[in-house]
Structure formats: C-alpha cells, structure tokens
Amino acid sequence: MTFRVNRRNFVAGGATLLSLSALGTSALAQEKRLRLLWWGSQPRADRTNKVSQLYQSKNSGTSITGEFLGWGDYWPRLATQVAGRNAPDVIQMDYRYIVQYARRGALAPLESYMPAKLNLDDFDKAQIEGGSVDGHLYGVSLGANSAATVLNTTAFKEAGVDLPTQATTWEEFARMGAEITKAGKRKGMFGLADGSGGEPLFENWLRQRGKALYTADGKIAFDVDDASEWYDMWAKFREAGACVPADIQALDKNDIETNTVSLGKSAAGFAHSNQFVAYQAMNKDKLALTNYMRIKPESKGGHYRKPSMFFSVSAQSKAVDMAVDYVNFFVKNPEAALLLDVERGIPESSAMREVVAAKLDENGKVALAYVSGLGELAGKLPPPPPAGAGEGELMLRNIAEQVGFGQLSPSDGGKQLVAEITQILARG
C-alpha cells in the first residue's frame, strides 16, 4: 500500500485509518512501513515517488509514505518532528545541519551496515567523509553539485548583453545587470537577483579573499569588515539598478518556484547545479549555468564540489534495516539512478554515473558539464559547518533584507551579523 503526500499536506487521519482497517489486522502485521521527508520542488517529488514505487515493486509487503516541503518550511517541520519523537525513518539532510543533528543523537550511525547492506565502495572518499561526524557515518550523499549562477540566455540576448564567462568579475556582472535593466525589454525585469542574503554566494566571496564562513573548530571565520563590504557591494548594485529592489527580492522564499528568475523578475539568479533540471522545467526561456563571479580577474575561485544533500536514517526509527536498504537502493540501483537523473546532483557512485551519463538529456548534460568544468575555480571542501550554522544562514538573509529596505546601513548590518552569529555559535 502506498500513500503520496504533497507539499504541506498529510493524508487525512480518518481516511488513513479507514484504508488500513480495510486491509485487515493480519495484512497490517506483515506490512513493512517506511516514512520519508525531503525538501524540494514538485519534479523532485515526482522522481522520488517513482523510485519508491520501484522499490515497492521489488520488495513485496512494503509501504512507503512521503512528504516534501520547500527549504524554508522543511527545517522547522523536521525539528518539530524530531522533538516530538515522530521523526521520519529516512531524512533528507544538508551539509550545514548534519553535525547538529548527529551530535543531538537524532541520526543513526550507518557504518556498521557497510559494505554488506550499504555498499559505498565506488563513492569518492571525500564525499563519504562529508557525511561523517566524529568518526561515524550519518549521511549518504545523494549527489555532487556546486553553487552556480542561473542565466536566462533569452533575456540576455534580447537586451543585447553578452553572457558572463568564467573570468567575469562582480563589477563587470553588475554592469551587465544594469544594462539589462535599462534596456527594458521585459516589463518588470531587472538584470540580477539580489544575492546579498545568499550564504553560498557570501561563502564563495569570502573564499576568494582567503577566508571562510567558519573555522574547523566551529568559530566564525570572517570579521565585521568582510560582512560590511559584502552588504555594501550589493547596496551599490541596487543603487545602480543592476539587481532587483528589496521588495522584489523578498518574494524569493529560497526555493526554485520563487527565485526571481522563475518569477521573471531577473535575468540572472543564484542556485545549485543540481537544481538546473527543475529550473529549466519551470522556465520557457533557455537557461544556462555559469560560476559565481570573481572579485578580481586574478582572483582564485571560491567554489567547491559538495554533497548536494544526504539521506540519513532517524535514530528513532523502528525500521532501521529497511531504511538502510532503501537508501542503498536509492544510490546503487541502475533503474533508480535513471529515474533520479541528476536532479539531486551528479551520482556519487561511479557505476551509477556511467549509467546516468549514457542517458542524460540536454538539461542533465548542462549540469554535468558545469560541475566537471569548474577547473581552477573549485577548491577543497570546507569542514562541516558547526551546530548553529543553520541559524547563521537565516541571520545573513534577515540582515540582508533589512539593509535592502534601508533599515540598517551596510556597516551596521556587518556589525550585527558578526555579533549575532558569534552569539549563536557560543550557544552551541
């Protein structure tokens, strides 16, 4: 028996009980049940549901239910369910949160299942380490990706503006954005999204300056001058008409559907490479990917290849063995790999990469080419963010919005960001 749960919606309790009672108690006793929770768009949900159906077809007597939400709603929902001891069996986990959840005892260690039930032999070692905390494996990477700039190539062409290249600087990109805005070929469209509240963008910019978001021991790794200069750069972009104003940027809820590119409000936005398939599915214009811009022509890139997301298993689960088997199926079964494509990133398994690469459509090839073509722009994967990093991300975004609306100066915004994140990290 299978239930599909759409975003923010649960199967009605009464209907669930009625359906289950119809099966009879003996059927219920034999049925193996698993519950999943993930963030993402409808296309991701469709692919995930198809893999779950495939798993059920090969494992009789199993029932898999699923729920998905947007990024902003996902983490409060997960925190509530974990605190209420109602956590899903399989949890989609992010690099910035895995340390926090692992150290709270919310996730089950998985290394004891390797390699008999969880075979990651052909995974890149660095990606396995990315899902490890304090010597234990808590997350299995579902794909590799990197941060990226999404370009509406049609809008650029209409405005008579050339696309940026790997050598383009932020200053040059802002001029491109201002030209697109000034051209006015599309009503209400600006050149760029306002990226001042985007943590991957800020981190990339810091790495180009030889710094980072956090130190290896979980301390803040940038200072007030860094944060103030970051906010000031975007304030100047807004003043020049290069990027969207604050009220339009506020429409972006940090998901694909509300990104200013998808809303037709900007010709360029910021995302991750694995999201390209979904972005293109939602946009009639032809899109493309490029790197984040350089600070100076000679600047080293701030990119890195990272686990796009993990599947973790709840420590509360009463079906850990089945959950591990499902995760292994998700990342190692060729049929599942073809259904998933590169929507969650480039498969970590070398065997599954070969399977997918042979069948990739044009959009999938764009994402694959982007990650493999970063070259010198890509550096070493940073240490996992400390507990509290998720709050730090929200603080960056909230203060960016206040600066955008003129409620804080860039200088005061920088001071407040450093002070707030320092306090968050001190709480642990």
Protein backbone atom coordinates (compact mmCIF):
# COMPACT_ATOMS: atom_id res chain seq x y z
CA MET A 1 0.00 0.00 0.00
CA THR A 2 1.36 3.45 -0.89
CA PHE A 3 0.44 6.99 0.05
CA ARG A 4 1.88 10.07 -1.63
CA VAL A 5 1.81 13.19 0.45
CA ASN A 6 2.06 16.52 -1.33
CA ARG A 7 3.71 19.65 0.00
CA ARG A 8 2.36 20.72 3.40
CA ASN A 9 -0.45 18.19 3.13
CA PHE A 10 -0.93 14.99 5.09
CA VAL A 11 -3.24 12.11 4.34
CA ALA A 12 -6.33 12.76 6.44
CA GLY A 13 -6.19 10.72 9.62
CA GLY A 14 -9.66 9.28 9.25
CA ALA A 15 -9.10 8.24 5.67
CA THR A 16 -5.82 6.62 6.66
CA LEU A 17 -7.42 4.60 9.43
CA LEU A 18 -10.26 3.54 7.15
CA SER A 19 -7.86 2.39 4.46
CA LEU A 20 -5.72 0.48 6.92
CA SER A 21 -8.66 -1.18 8.61
CA ALA A 22 -9.81 -2.41 5.22
CA LEU A 23 -6.60 -4.36 4.92
CA GLY A 24 -7.25 -6.40 7.99
CA THR A 25 -5.03 -6.85 11.00
CA SER A 26 -3.08 -9.75 9.51
CA ALA A 27 -2.05 -7.66 6.50
CA LEU A 28 -1.01 -4.82 8.78
CA ALA A 29 1.16 -7.15 10.81
CA GLN A 30 3.02 -8.29 7.72
CA GLU A 31 3.40 -4.89 6.07
CA LYS A 32 6.76 -3.14 6.40
CA ARG A 33 6.34 0.61 6.57
CA LEU A 34 8.76 3.43 5.91
CA ARG A 35 8.29 7.20 6.06
CA LEU A 36 10.39 9.75 4.15
CA LEU A 37 10.81 13.51 4.46
CA TRP A 38 12.63 15.75 1.98
CA TRP A 39 12.74 19.31 0.71
CA GLY A 40 12.46 20.24 -2.94
CA SER A 41 10.19 21.01 -5.85
CA GLN A 42 7.38 19.01 -7.44
CA PRO A 43 9.72 17.48 -10.07
CA ARG A 44 11.91 16.13 -7.24
CA ALA A 45 8.84 14.71 -5.55
CA ASP A 46 7.77 13.00 -8.76
CA ARG A 47 11.18 11.37 -9.18
CA THR A 48 11.34 10.32 -5.52
CA ASN A 49 7.88 8.79 -5.65
CA LYS A 50 8.79 6.80 -8.75
CA VAL A 51 11.85 5.36 -7.02
CA SER A 52 9.72 4.46 -4.00
CA GLN A 53 7.24 2.71 -6.29
CA LEU A 54 10.12 0.84 -7.92
CA TYR A 55 11.44 -0.24 -4.54
CA GLN A 56 8.00 -1.49 -3.52
CA SER A 57 7.62 -3.44 -6.73
CA LYS A 58 10.82 -5.30 -5.88
CA ASN A 59 10.03 -5.69 -2.16
CA SER A 60 6.54 -7.05 -1.65
CA GLY A 61 4.70 -6.14 1.52
CA THR A 62 6.37 -2.74 1.86
CA SER A 63 4.64 0.61 2.27
CA ILE A 64 6.44 3.91 1.73
CA THR A 65 4.91 7.28 2.53
CA GLY A 66 6.50 10.60 1.76
CA GLU A 67 6.21 14.30 2.48
CA PHE A 68 8.07 17.20 0.91
CA LEU A 69 8.31 20.91 1.65
CA GLY A 70 10.18 23.96 0.48
CA TRP A 71 13.56 24.68 2.07
CA GLY A 72 12.29 27.36 4.42
CA ASP A 73 9.46 25.21 5.80
CA TYR A 74 11.44 21.98 5.89
CA TRP A 75 13.76 22.62 8.82
CA PRO A 76 11.10 23.81 11.31
CA ARG A 77 8.99 20.77 10.37
CA LEU A 78 11.90 18.37 10.84
CA ALA A 79 12.89 19.96 14.16
CA THR A 80 9.30 19.65 15.41
CA GLN A 81 9.02 16.02 14.39
CA VAL A 82 12.35 15.07 15.94
CA ALA A 83 11.50 16.86 19.19
CA GLY A 84 8.08 15.16 19.23
CA ARG A 85 9.70 11.75 18.64
CA ASN A 86 7.78 11.45 15.40
CA ALA A 87 10.75 11.71 13.06
CA PRO A 88 10.54 10.09 9.60
CA ASP A 89 12.60 6.96 9.05
CA VAL A 90 14.58 8.46 6.16
CA ILE A 91 15.54 12.13 6.44
CA GLN A 92 16.96 14.28 3.68
CA MET A 93 19.86 16.06 5.38
CA ASP A 94 22.03 19.03 4.44
CA TYR A 95 25.76 19.56 4.93
CA ARG A 96 25.19 22.58 7.17
CA TYR A 97 22.86 20.69 9.55
CA ILE A 98 24.31 17.18 9.75
CA VAL A 99 26.72 17.93 12.61
CA GLN A 100 23.93 19.46 14.67
CA TYR A 101 21.52 16.55 14.21
CA ALA A 102 24.20 13.87 14.61
CA ARG A 103 25.52 15.28 17.87
CA ARG A 104 22.00 15.57 19.25
CA GLY A 105 21.60 11.83 18.76
CA ALA A 106 18.85 12.28 16.18
CA LEU A 107 20.57 10.22 13.47
CA ALA A 108 21.55 6.57 13.39
CA PRO A 109 25.23 5.71 12.67
CA LEU A 110 25.44 3.71 9.46
CA GLU A 111 29.00 2.38 9.22
CA SER A 112 28.08 -0.99 10.77
CA TYR A 113 25.93 -1.69 7.70
CA MET A 114 28.87 -1.32 5.32
CA PRO A 115 29.52 -2.95 2.98
CA ALA A 116 27.03 -5.81 3.29
CA LYS A 117 23.85 -3.71 3.33
CA LEU A 118 25.22 -0.28 2.42
CA ASN A 119 27.74 -0.50 -0.39
CA LEU A 120 29.59 2.77 -0.97
CA ASP A 121 32.78 1.20 -2.33
CA ASP A 122 32.74 3.28 -5.52
CA PHE A 123 31.93 6.58 -3.80
CA ASP A 124 34.52 9.34 -3.67
CA LYS A 125 36.16 9.15 -0.24
CA ALA A 126 35.77 12.89 0.34
CA GLN A 127 32.01 12.63 -0.20
CA ILE A 128 31.76 9.80 2.35
CA GLU A 129 33.71 11.91 4.81
CA GLY A 130 31.29 14.76 4.13
CA GLY A 131 28.52 12.65 5.69
CA SER A 132 30.62 11.67 8.69
CA VAL A 133 30.66 13.28 12.13
CA ASP A 134 33.06 12.37 14.93
CA GLY A 135 34.18 9.22 13.12
CA HIS A 136 30.70 7.87 12.36
CA LEU A 137 28.77 7.88 9.10
CA TYR A 138 25.42 9.67 9.45
CA GLY A 139 24.60 10.65 5.89
CA VAL A 140 24.86 9.05 2.44
CA SER A 141 25.44 11.64 -0.27
CA LEU A 142 22.74 11.62 -2.96
CA GLY A 143 24.85 13.51 -5.48
CA ALA A 144 27.58 16.06 -6.02
CA ASN A 145 26.95 19.64 -7.01
CA SER A 146 28.33 23.13 -6.78
CA ALA A 147 26.86 26.57 -6.37
CA ALA A 148 26.02 28.25 -9.66
CA THR A 149 24.60 31.30 -11.41
CA VAL A 150 21.47 30.62 -13.46
CA LEU A 151 21.21 32.73 -16.62
CA ASN A 152 18.16 33.42 -18.76
CA THR A 153 20.04 33.41 -22.06
CA THR A 154 16.99 34.62 -23.98
CA ALA A 155 16.68 37.72 -21.81
CA PHE A 156 20.39 38.48 -22.15
CA LYS A 157 20.14 38.18 -25.92
CA GLU A 158 17.05 40.40 -26.12
CA ALA A 159 18.90 43.10 -24.18
CA GLY A 160 21.97 42.79 -26.41
CA VAL A 161 24.19 41.77 -23.49
CA ASP A 162 26.80 39.03 -23.79
CA LEU A 163 26.71 36.20 -21.27
CA PRO A 164 29.32 36.25 -18.49
CA THR A 165 32.30 33.90 -18.66
CA GLN A 166 34.44 32.17 -16.04
CA ALA A 167 36.63 35.29 -15.98
CA THR A 168 33.83 37.83 -15.37
CA THR A 169 34.16 39.92 -12.22
CA TRP A 170 31.38 41.10 -9.92
CA GLU A 171 31.90 44.66 -11.11
CA GLU A 172 31.52 43.59 -14.74
CA PHE A 173 28.49 41.44 -13.91
CA ALA A 174 26.82 44.40 -12.21
CA ARG A 175 27.32 46.49 -15.35
CA MET A 176 25.71 43.71 -17.38
CA GLY A 177 22.79 43.65 -14.98
CA ALA A 178 22.32 47.41 -15.18
CA GLU A 179 22.33 47.24 -18.98
CA ILE A 180 19.62 44.58 -18.97
CA THR A 181 17.51 46.62 -16.55
CA LYS A 182 17.98 49.79 -18.59
CA ALA A 183 17.16 48.02 -21.87
CA GLY A 184 13.66 47.38 -20.51
CA LYS A 185 12.90 44.63 -23.00
CA ARG A 186 10.65 42.91 -20.49
CA LYS A 187 8.38 44.81 -18.15
CA GLY A 188 9.46 44.48 -14.53
CA MET A 189 12.63 42.51 -15.28
CA PHE A 190 15.94 43.53 -13.73
CA GLY A 191 19.38 42.25 -14.57
CA LEU A 192 20.31 40.29 -11.45
CA ALA A 193 18.78 38.84 -8.35
CA ASP A 194 19.94 40.41 -5.09
CA GLY A 195 22.37 37.84 -3.71
CA SER A 196 23.29 39.65 -0.51
CA GLY A 197 21.33 37.17 1.62
CA GLY A 198 22.68 34.06 -0.10
CA GLU A 199 25.05 32.09 2.11
CA PRO A 200 26.70 30.13 -0.75
CA LEU A 201 27.41 33.44 -2.53
CA PHE A 202 28.83 35.04 0.60
CA GLU A 203 30.96 31.97 1.33
CA ASN A 204 32.31 31.93 -2.24
CA TRP A 205 33.20 35.62 -1.96
CA LEU A 206 34.95 35.01 1.37
CA ARG A 207 36.93 32.08 -0.01
CA GLN A 208 38.20 34.29 -2.82
CA ARG A 209 39.51 36.60 -0.09
CA GLY A 210 41.30 33.71 1.60
CA LYS A 211 38.71 33.40 4.35
CA ALA A 212 35.72 31.19 5.20
CA LEU A 213 32.40 31.15 6.98
CA TYR A 214 33.63 29.01 9.87
CA THR A 215 36.88 27.62 11.21
CA ALA A 216 37.48 23.88 11.57
CA ASP A 217 36.76 24.17 15.32
CA GLY A 218 33.41 25.87 14.75
CA LYS A 219 34.23 29.55 15.22
CA ILE A 220 33.25 32.45 12.96
CA ALA A 221 35.96 32.92 10.32
CA PHE A 222 35.14 36.37 8.93
CA ASP A 223 35.03 39.79 10.51
CA VAL A 224 32.93 42.96 10.51
CA ASP A 225 34.86 44.49 7.61
CA ASP A 226 34.14 41.42 5.44
CA ALA A 227 30.42 41.45 6.19
CA SER A 228 30.10 45.23 5.81
CA GLU A 229 31.89 45.21 2.43
CA TRP A 230 29.63 42.39 1.27
CA TYR A 231 26.45 44.25 2.13
CA ASP A 232 27.87 47.48 0.70
CA MET A 233 28.66 45.83 -2.64
CA TRP A 234 25.04 44.78 -3.05
CA ALA A 235 23.76 48.16 -1.88
CA LYS A 236 25.70 49.74 -4.73
CA PHE A 237 24.28 47.18 -7.16
CA ARG A 238 20.76 48.13 -6.06
CA GLU A 239 21.50 51.83 -6.43
CA ALA A 240 22.80 51.24 -9.97
CA GLY A 241 19.70 49.27 -10.95
CA ALA A 242 21.83 46.18 -11.55
CA CYS A 243 19.73 43.92 -9.31
CA VAL A 244 16.16 43.73 -8.13
CA PRO A 245 15.00 46.07 -5.34
CA ALA A 246 14.37 44.74 -1.85
CA ASP A 247 10.60 44.33 -2.21
CA ILE A 248 11.03 42.03 -5.21
CA GLN A 249 13.86 40.05 -3.63
CA ALA A 250 11.64 39.50 -0.62
CA LEU A 251 9.37 37.37 -2.85
CA ASP A 252 12.15 34.77 -3.03
CA LYS A 253 11.47 32.13 -0.38
CA ASN A 254 14.72 30.30 -1.12
CA ASP A 255 13.17 27.76 -3.46
CA ILE A 256 13.06 27.24 -7.21
CA GLU A 257 9.48 28.38 -7.70
CA THR A 258 10.03 31.80 -6.10
CA ASN A 259 13.54 32.53 -7.34
CA THR A 260 13.48 35.83 -9.23
CA VAL A 261 14.49 34.04 -12.45
CA SER A 262 11.47 31.73 -12.22
CA LEU A 263 9.25 34.70 -11.41
CA GLY A 264 10.51 36.58 -14.48
CA LYS A 265 11.89 39.38 -12.29
CA SER A 266 15.57 38.94 -13.16
CA ALA A 267 17.70 37.59 -15.98
CA ALA A 268 20.19 36.03 -13.58
CA GLY A 269 19.81 34.30 -10.24
CA PHE A 270 21.75 32.05 -7.89
CA ALA A 271 21.22 28.38 -7.18
CA HIS A 272 22.97 25.00 -7.22
CA SER A 273 23.89 22.97 -10.27
CA ASN A 274 21.60 20.03 -9.43
CA GLN A 275 18.61 22.41 -9.50
CA PHE A 276 19.11 23.27 -13.16
CA VAL A 277 16.84 20.48 -14.41
CA ALA A 278 13.96 21.80 -12.30
CA TYR A 279 14.70 25.43 -13.19
CA GLN A 280 14.60 24.69 -16.89
CA ALA A 281 11.36 22.72 -16.48
CA MET A 282 9.74 25.81 -14.96
CA ASN A 283 11.07 28.33 -17.47
CA LYS A 284 10.11 28.58 -21.14
CA ASP A 285 13.24 30.57 -21.99
CA LYS A 286 16.54 28.78 -22.50
CA LEU A 287 18.65 28.82 -19.35
CA ALA A 288 22.34 28.25 -18.76
CA LEU A 289 24.74 27.83 -15.83
CA THR A 290 27.92 29.66 -15.03
CA ASN A 291 30.11 30.14 -11.98
CA TYR A 292 29.86 32.81 -9.33
CA MET A 293 31.79 35.88 -10.40
CA ARG A 294 35.35 36.68 -9.42
CA ILE A 295 36.22 39.61 -7.19
CA LYS A 296 39.17 40.46 -9.46
CA PRO A 297 40.29 38.92 -12.76
CA GLU A 298 43.17 37.21 -10.99
CA SER A 299 41.09 36.01 -8.02
CA LYS A 300 41.03 32.31 -7.26
CA GLY A 301 37.60 30.78 -7.44
CA GLY A 302 35.62 30.14 -4.28
CA HIS A 303 33.72 27.09 -5.48
CA TYR A 304 33.93 23.51 -4.24
CA ARG A 305 32.29 20.24 -5.15
CA LYS A 306 30.00 19.23 -2.31
CA PRO A 307 27.41 16.63 -1.39
CA SER A 308 24.19 18.19 -2.65
CA MET A 309 22.29 16.53 0.18
CA PHE A 310 22.27 13.31 2.16
CA PHE A 311 19.84 10.62 3.15
CA SER A 312 20.12 9.97 6.87
CA VAL A 313 18.27 7.44 8.99
CA SER A 314 16.47 8.52 12.14
CA ALA A 315 17.77 7.15 15.42
CA GLN A 316 14.09 6.91 16.42
CA SER A 317 13.22 4.60 13.52
CA LYS A 318 11.81 1.17 14.26
CA ALA A 319 12.75 0.06 10.75
CA VAL A 320 16.44 0.98 10.51
CA ASP A 321 17.34 -2.11 8.47
CA MET A 322 14.67 -1.36 5.88
CA ALA A 323 15.62 2.32 5.85
CA VAL A 324 19.26 1.45 5.14
CA ASP A 325 18.18 -0.96 2.41
CA TYR A 326 16.06 1.78 0.82
CA VAL A 327 18.95 4.28 0.93
CA ASN A 328 21.28 1.73 -0.65
CA PHE A 329 18.68 1.08 -3.37
CA PHE A 330 18.32 4.83 -3.94
CA VAL A 331 22.03 5.35 -4.64
CA LYS A 332 23.06 1.99 -6.17
CA ASN A 333 20.19 0.66 -8.27
CA PRO A 334 20.57 1.43 -12.01
CA GLU A 335 16.82 1.77 -12.60
CA ALA A 336 16.57 4.18 -9.68
CA ALA A 337 19.55 6.15 -10.99
CA LEU A 338 17.84 6.65 -14.35
CA LEU A 339 14.65 7.86 -12.65
CA LEU A 340 16.57 10.30 -10.45
CA ASP A 341 18.83 11.57 -13.25
CA VAL A 342 20.98 14.46 -11.94
CA GLU A 343 18.16 16.36 -10.21
CA ARG A 344 19.81 15.75 -6.82
CA GLY A 345 23.29 16.12 -8.24
CA ILE A 346 25.83 14.02 -10.11
CA PRO A 347 25.61 10.44 -8.72
CA GLU A 348 28.39 9.67 -6.24
CA SER A 349 28.64 6.04 -7.33
CA SER A 350 30.98 5.78 -10.32
CA ALA A 351 28.88 2.91 -11.70
CA MET A 352 25.69 4.95 -11.43
CA ARG A 353 27.41 7.96 -13.06
CA GLU A 354 28.12 5.80 -16.09
CA VAL A 355 24.51 4.62 -16.21
CA VAL A 356 23.13 8.15 -15.99
CA ALA A 357 25.69 9.78 -18.31
CA ALA A 358 24.72 7.44 -21.12
CA LYS A 359 21.07 8.55 -20.94
CA LEU A 360 21.32 12.23 -19.98
CA ASP A 361 19.12 14.69 -21.83
CA GLU A 362 20.31 18.18 -22.76
CA ASN A 363 19.45 19.68 -19.38
CA GLY A 364 21.21 16.94 -17.46
CA LYS A 365 24.29 17.40 -19.61
CA VAL A 366 24.34 21.11 -18.74
CA ALA A 367 24.56 20.32 -15.01
CA LEU A 368 27.18 17.60 -15.54
CA ALA A 369 29.32 19.82 -17.78
CA TYR A 370 29.15 22.68 -15.31
CA VAL A 371 30.41 20.69 -12.32
CA SER A 372 33.13 18.92 -14.30
CA GLY A 373 34.22 22.17 -15.97
CA LEU A 374 34.87 24.32 -12.89
CA GLY A 375 38.60 23.57 -13.07
CA GLU A 376 40.70 26.00 -11.05
CA LEU A 377 37.59 27.70 -9.70
CA ALA A 378 36.93 24.71 -7.43
CA GLY A 379 38.88 24.26 -4.20
CA LYS A 380 38.83 21.99 -1.18
CA LEU A 381 35.58 21.07 0.55
CA PRO A 382 35.34 23.06 3.80
CA PRO A 383 34.79 21.33 7.15
CA PRO A 384 31.15 20.60 8.04
CA PRO A 385 29.54 23.75 9.49
CA PRO A 386 29.11 23.80 13.27
CA ALA A 387 25.88 23.49 15.21
CA GLY A 388 24.03 26.76 14.76
CA ALA A 389 25.12 27.27 11.16
CA GLY A 390 21.52 27.00 10.02
CA GLU A 391 20.58 29.92 12.26
CA GLY A 392 23.57 31.79 10.90
CA GLU A 393 22.28 31.35 7.37
CA LEU A 394 18.91 32.80 8.36
CA MET A 395 20.62 35.70 10.11
CA LEU A 396 22.61 36.56 6.97
CA ARG A 397 19.39 36.59 4.97
CA ASN A 398 17.38 38.57 7.53
CA ILE A 399 20.01 41.27 7.93
CA ALA A 400 20.46 41.48 4.14
CA GLU A 401 16.75 42.20 3.85
CA GLN A 402 16.96 44.93 6.49
CA VAL A 403 19.89 46.53 4.67
CA GLY A 404 17.98 46.26 1.40
CA PHE A 405 14.99 48.09 2.83
CA GLY A 406 17.22 50.78 4.33
CA GLN A 407 16.52 49.77 7.92
CA LEU A 408 20.25 49.17 8.50
CA SER A 409 23.33 50.61 6.84
CA PRO A 410 25.77 48.10 5.30
CA SER A 411 28.21 48.93 8.08
CA ASP A 412 25.67 48.34 10.85
CA GLY A 413 24.47 45.22 9.07
CA GLY A 414 28.00 43.84 9.07
CA LYS A 415 28.42 44.54 12.79
CA GLN A 416 25.10 42.95 13.62
CA LEU A 417 25.77 39.84 11.53
CA VAL A 418 29.10 39.11 13.22
CA ALA A 419 27.67 39.77 16.68
CA GLU A 420 24.60 37.59 16.13
CA ILE A 421 26.48 34.65 14.62
CA THR A 422 29.10 34.80 17.36
CA GLN A 423 26.33 34.52 19.95
CA ILE A 424 24.63 31.70 18.07
CA LEU A 425 27.85 29.66 17.93
CA ALA A 426 28.57 30.31 21.61
CA ARG A 427 25.25 28.67 22.48
CA GLY A 428 26.31 25.58 20.58
